[in-house]
Amino acid sequence: MKNSKPRLMSEINVTPLVDVMLVLLIIFMITAPMMTSGLEVNLPRTKAGQLKATKPLLITINATGHIFINGQEIALSRLGIWLREAQKRALIKEVNIKADRSCAYGVVAKVLAEIQAIGITNIGLITEPEHVR
């Protein structure tokens, strides 16, 4: 009769791993839509349609008049310099402005003037659609 020692199990049980992965997948599927980045501004409502799906430069102006380029704050005095440098590197073809409805019109006008001063004419103003009754 041979020695009856128990043999070591050489297989890996993947069931707990699959369970954990499925739970993580469900958690990420639920939380991913909530993780939108950007600044919160109250957009004015207009009858204009949505902008085409391209990747233009986004300039945001919040209610207090602070200016942000793709989420990074920049002073109005530095905006023209930043835009000129980006245009030299051919990074700007189109600009969208997302301004809070309660911000001062003068700030929006100055931003528009800086954009037009470097020769960019493809400028979009982001708004919310009016609710049709």
C-alpha atoms as a PDB file:
ATOM      1  CA  MET A   1       0.000   0.000   0.000  1.00  0.00           C
ATOM      2  CA  LYS A   2       1.250   3.414  -0.967  1.00  0.00           C
ATOM      3  CA  ASN A   3       1.575   6.400   1.268  1.00  0.00           C
ATOM      4  CA  SER A   4      -1.856   8.140   1.540  1.00  0.00           C
ATOM      5  CA  LYS A   5      -0.707  11.725   1.998  1.00  0.00           C
ATOM      6  CA  PRO A   6      -3.075  14.361   0.618  1.00  0.00           C
ATOM      7  CA  ARG A   7      -1.854  15.847  -2.656  1.00  0.00           C
ATOM      8  CA  LEU A   8      -1.415  19.570  -3.146  1.00  0.00           C
ATOM      9  CA  MET A   9      -3.981  21.218  -5.356  1.00  0.00           C
ATOM     10  CA  SER A  10      -2.286  22.886  -8.312  1.00  0.00           C
ATOM     11  CA  GLU A  11      -5.341  24.635  -9.796  1.00  0.00           C
ATOM     12  CA  ILE A  12      -6.345  28.231  -9.188  1.00  0.00           C
ATOM     13  CA  ASN A  13      -9.955  28.887  -8.311  1.00  0.00           C
ATOM     14  CA  VAL A  14     -11.005  31.830 -10.526  1.00  0.00           C
ATOM     15  CA  THR A  15     -14.591  32.094  -9.299  1.00  0.00           C
ATOM     16  CA  PRO A  16     -13.826  34.737  -6.625  1.00  0.00           C
ATOM     17  CA  LEU A  17     -11.790  36.717  -9.156  1.00  0.00           C
ATOM     18  CA  VAL A  18     -14.664  36.695 -11.651  1.00  0.00           C
ATOM     19  CA  ASP A  19     -17.098  37.785  -8.926  1.00  0.00           C
ATOM     20  CA  VAL A  20     -14.911  40.728  -7.932  1.00  0.00           C
ATOM     21  CA  MET A  21     -14.392  41.757 -11.562  1.00  0.00           C
ATOM     22  CA  LEU A  22     -18.133  41.711 -12.268  1.00  0.00           C
ATOM     23  CA  VAL A  23     -18.837  43.856  -9.210  1.00  0.00           C
ATOM     24  CA  LEU A  24     -16.158  46.348 -10.278  1.00  0.00           C
ATOM     25  CA  LEU A  25     -17.545  46.412 -13.813  1.00  0.00           C
ATOM     26  CA  ILE A  26     -21.030  47.230 -12.532  1.00  0.00           C
ATOM     27  CA  ILE A  27     -19.675  49.951 -10.229  1.00  0.00           C
ATOM     28  CA  PHE A  28     -17.727  51.592 -13.074  1.00  0.00           C
ATOM     29  CA  MET A  29     -20.702  51.357 -15.440  1.00  0.00           C
ATOM     30  CA  ILE A  30     -22.873  53.179 -12.913  1.00  0.00           C
ATOM     31  CA  THR A  31     -20.347  55.838 -11.888  1.00  0.00           C
ATOM     32  CA  ALA A  32     -18.748  56.622 -15.280  1.00  0.00           C
ATOM     33  CA  PRO A  33     -21.609  58.817 -16.584  1.00  0.00           C
ATOM     34  CA  MET A  34     -21.486  60.858 -13.375  1.00  0.00           C
ATOM     35  CA  MET A  35     -17.832  61.743 -13.851  1.00  0.00           C
ATOM     36  CA  THR A  36     -18.263  64.449 -16.494  1.00  0.00           C
ATOM     37  CA  SER A  37     -15.658  67.132 -16.202  1.00  0.00           C
ATOM     38  CA  GLY A  38     -16.029  70.811 -16.820  1.00  0.00           C
ATOM     39  CA  LEU A  39     -17.207  73.948 -15.182  1.00  0.00           C
ATOM     40  CA  GLU A  40     -20.820  74.449 -14.216  1.00  0.00           C
ATOM     41  CA  VAL A  41     -22.331  77.518 -15.871  1.00  0.00           C
ATOM     42  CA  ASN A  42     -25.933  78.547 -16.531  1.00  0.00           C
ATOM     43  CA  LEU A  43     -26.154  78.759 -20.302  1.00  0.00           C
ATOM     44  CA  PRO A  44     -28.595  81.099 -22.016  1.00  0.00           C
ATOM     45  CA  ARG A  45     -31.454  79.460 -23.929  1.00  0.00           C
ATOM     46  CA  THR A  46     -31.770  79.987 -27.688  1.00  0.00           C
ATOM     47  CA  LYS A  47     -33.464  78.417 -30.687  1.00  0.00           C
ATOM     48  CA  ALA A  48     -30.130  77.563 -32.330  1.00  0.00           C
ATOM     49  CA  GLY A  49     -29.329  73.920 -32.936  1.00  0.00           C
ATOM     50  CA  GLN A  50     -26.507  71.954 -31.388  1.00  0.00           C
ATOM     51  CA  LEU A  51     -22.935  72.460 -32.535  1.00  0.00           C
ATOM     52  CA  LYS A  52     -21.352  69.842 -34.754  1.00  0.00           C
ATOM     53  CA  ALA A  53     -19.299  67.194 -33.007  1.00  0.00           C
ATOM     54  CA  THR A  54     -15.710  68.415 -33.420  1.00  0.00           C
ATOM     55  CA  LYS A  55     -12.984  69.089 -30.906  1.00  0.00           C
ATOM     56  CA  PRO A  56     -12.683  72.892 -30.840  1.00  0.00           C
ATOM     57  CA  LEU A  57     -10.940  74.953 -28.203  1.00  0.00           C
ATOM     58  CA  LEU A  58     -13.363  75.617 -25.345  1.00  0.00           C
ATOM     59  CA  ILE A  59     -13.245  78.975 -23.572  1.00  0.00           C
ATOM     60  CA  THR A  60     -15.508  79.130 -20.510  1.00  0.00           C
ATOM     61  CA  ILE A  61     -16.522  82.302 -18.701  1.00  0.00           C
ATOM     62  CA  ASN A  62     -18.164  81.781 -15.311  1.00  0.00           C
ATOM     63  CA  ALA A  63     -20.646  84.074 -13.538  1.00  0.00           C
ATOM     64  CA  THR A  64     -17.885  86.086 -11.865  1.00  0.00           C
ATOM     65  CA  GLY A  65     -16.081  86.746 -15.171  1.00  0.00           C
ATOM     66  CA  HIS A  66     -13.174  84.345 -14.717  1.00  0.00           C
ATOM     67  CA  ILE A  67     -11.942  82.858 -17.991  1.00  0.00           C
ATOM     68  CA  PHE A  68     -10.961  79.205 -18.445  1.00  0.00           C
ATOM     69  CA  ILE A  69      -9.360  77.502 -21.453  1.00  0.00           C
ATOM     70  CA  ASN A  70     -10.240  73.804 -21.489  1.00  0.00           C
ATOM     71  CA  GLY A  71     -10.710  73.956 -17.706  1.00  0.00           C
ATOM     72  CA  GLN A  72      -7.512  75.911 -16.903  1.00  0.00           C
ATOM     73  CA  GLU A  73      -8.015  79.457 -15.575  1.00  0.00           C
ATOM     74  CA  ILE A  74      -6.298  82.261 -17.477  1.00  0.00           C
ATOM     75  CA  ALA A  75      -6.271  86.023 -17.005  1.00  0.00           C
ATOM     76  CA  LEU A  76      -7.851  88.158 -19.733  1.00  0.00           C
ATOM     77  CA  SER A  77      -4.524  89.965 -20.148  1.00  0.00           C
ATOM     78  CA  ARG A  78      -2.814  86.623 -20.981  1.00  0.00           C
ATOM     79  CA  LEU A  79      -5.581  85.284 -23.260  1.00  0.00           C
ATOM     80  CA  GLY A  80      -4.283  86.942 -26.448  1.00  0.00           C
ATOM     81  CA  ILE A  81      -0.741  85.730 -25.828  1.00  0.00           C
ATOM     82  CA  TRP A  82      -1.936  82.172 -25.171  1.00  0.00           C
ATOM     83  CA  LEU A  83      -4.119  82.167 -28.302  1.00  0.00           C
ATOM     84  CA  ARG A  84      -1.280  83.481 -30.505  1.00  0.00           C
ATOM     85  CA  GLU A  85       1.100  80.787 -29.227  1.00  0.00           C
ATOM     86  CA  ALA A  86      -1.488  78.057 -29.784  1.00  0.00           C
ATOM     87  CA  GLN A  87      -2.236  79.323 -33.285  1.00  0.00           C
ATOM     88  CA  LYS A  88       1.486  79.351 -34.154  1.00  0.00           C
ATOM     89  CA  ARG A  89       1.541  75.643 -33.301  1.00  0.00           C
ATOM     90  CA  ALA A  90      -1.631  75.156 -35.431  1.00  0.00           C
ATOM     91  CA  LEU A  91      -3.633  73.973 -32.434  1.00  0.00           C
ATOM     92  CA  ILE A  92      -6.627  76.257 -33.009  1.00  0.00           C
ATOM     93  CA  LYS A  93      -9.028  75.971 -35.914  1.00  0.00           C
ATOM     94  CA  GLU A  94     -12.299  76.566 -34.105  1.00  0.00           C
ATOM     95  CA  VAL A  95     -13.238  78.164 -30.775  1.00  0.00           C
ATOM     96  CA  ASN A  96     -16.388  77.667 -28.721  1.00  0.00           C
ATOM     97  CA  ILE A  97     -17.327  80.111 -25.969  1.00  0.00           C
ATOM     98  CA  LYS A  98     -19.384  78.868 -23.046  1.00  0.00           C
ATOM     99  CA  ALA A  99     -20.380  81.933 -21.024  1.00  0.00           C
ATOM    100  CA  ASP A 100     -22.639  82.043 -17.979  1.00  0.00           C
ATOM    101  CA  ARG A 101     -25.798  84.024 -18.673  1.00  0.00           C
ATOM    102  CA  SER A 102     -25.150  86.276 -15.668  1.00  0.00           C
ATOM    103  CA  CYS A 103     -21.555  87.219 -16.550  1.00  0.00           C
ATOM    104  CA  ALA A 104     -20.796  90.724 -17.747  1.00  0.00           C
ATOM    105  CA  TYR A 105     -21.247  91.218 -21.486  1.00  0.00           C
ATOM    106  CA  GLY A 106     -18.015  93.226 -21.579  1.00  0.00           C
ATOM    107  CA  VAL A 107     -15.972  90.167 -20.640  1.00  0.00           C
ATOM    108  CA  VAL A 108     -17.529  88.144 -23.462  1.00  0.00           C
ATOM    109  CA  ALA A 109     -16.923  91.002 -25.910  1.00  0.00           C
ATOM    110  CA  LYS A 110     -13.262  91.257 -24.867  1.00  0.00           C
ATOM    111  CA  VAL A 111     -12.778  87.506 -25.290  1.00  0.00           C
ATOM    112  CA  LEU A 112     -14.391  87.656 -28.740  1.00  0.00           C
ATOM    113  CA  ALA A 113     -12.125  90.581 -29.684  1.00  0.00           C
ATOM    114  CA  GLU A 114      -9.007  88.648 -28.603  1.00  0.00           C
ATOM    115  CA  ILE A 115     -10.067  85.637 -30.681  1.00  0.00           C
ATOM    116  CA  GLN A 116     -10.853  87.714 -33.756  1.00  0.00           C
ATOM    117  CA  ALA A 117      -7.614  89.727 -33.379  1.00  0.00           C
ATOM    118  CA  ILE A 118      -5.542  86.635 -34.170  1.00  0.00           C
ATOM    119  CA  GLY A 119      -7.659  85.825 -37.215  1.00  0.00           C
ATOM    120  CA  ILE A 120      -9.915  83.033 -35.995  1.00  0.00           C
ATOM    121  CA  THR A 121     -13.362  83.453 -37.512  1.00  0.00           C
ATOM    122  CA  ASN A 122     -14.869  80.063 -36.721  1.00  0.00           C
ATOM    123  CA  ILE A 123     -16.365  80.931 -33.316  1.00  0.00           C
ATOM    124  CA  GLY A 124     -19.341  79.234 -31.684  1.00  0.00           C
ATOM    125  CA  LEU A 125     -21.388  80.392 -28.708  1.00  0.00           C
ATOM    126  CA  ILE A 126     -22.663  77.471 -26.634  1.00  0.00           C
ATOM    127  CA  THR A 127     -26.246  77.823 -25.414  1.00  0.00           C
ATOM    128  CA  GLU A 128     -29.011  75.579 -24.115  1.00  0.00           C
ATOM    129  CA  PRO A 129     -31.987  74.907 -26.384  1.00  0.00           C
ATOM    130  CA  GLU A 130     -35.270  76.584 -25.485  1.00  0.00           C
ATOM    131  CA  HIS A 131     -38.068  74.231 -24.536  1.00  0.00           C
ATOM    132  CA  VAL A 132     -40.655  74.250 -27.296  1.00  0.00           C
ATOM    133  CA  ARG A 133     -44.204  74.270 -25.967  1.00  0.00           C
END
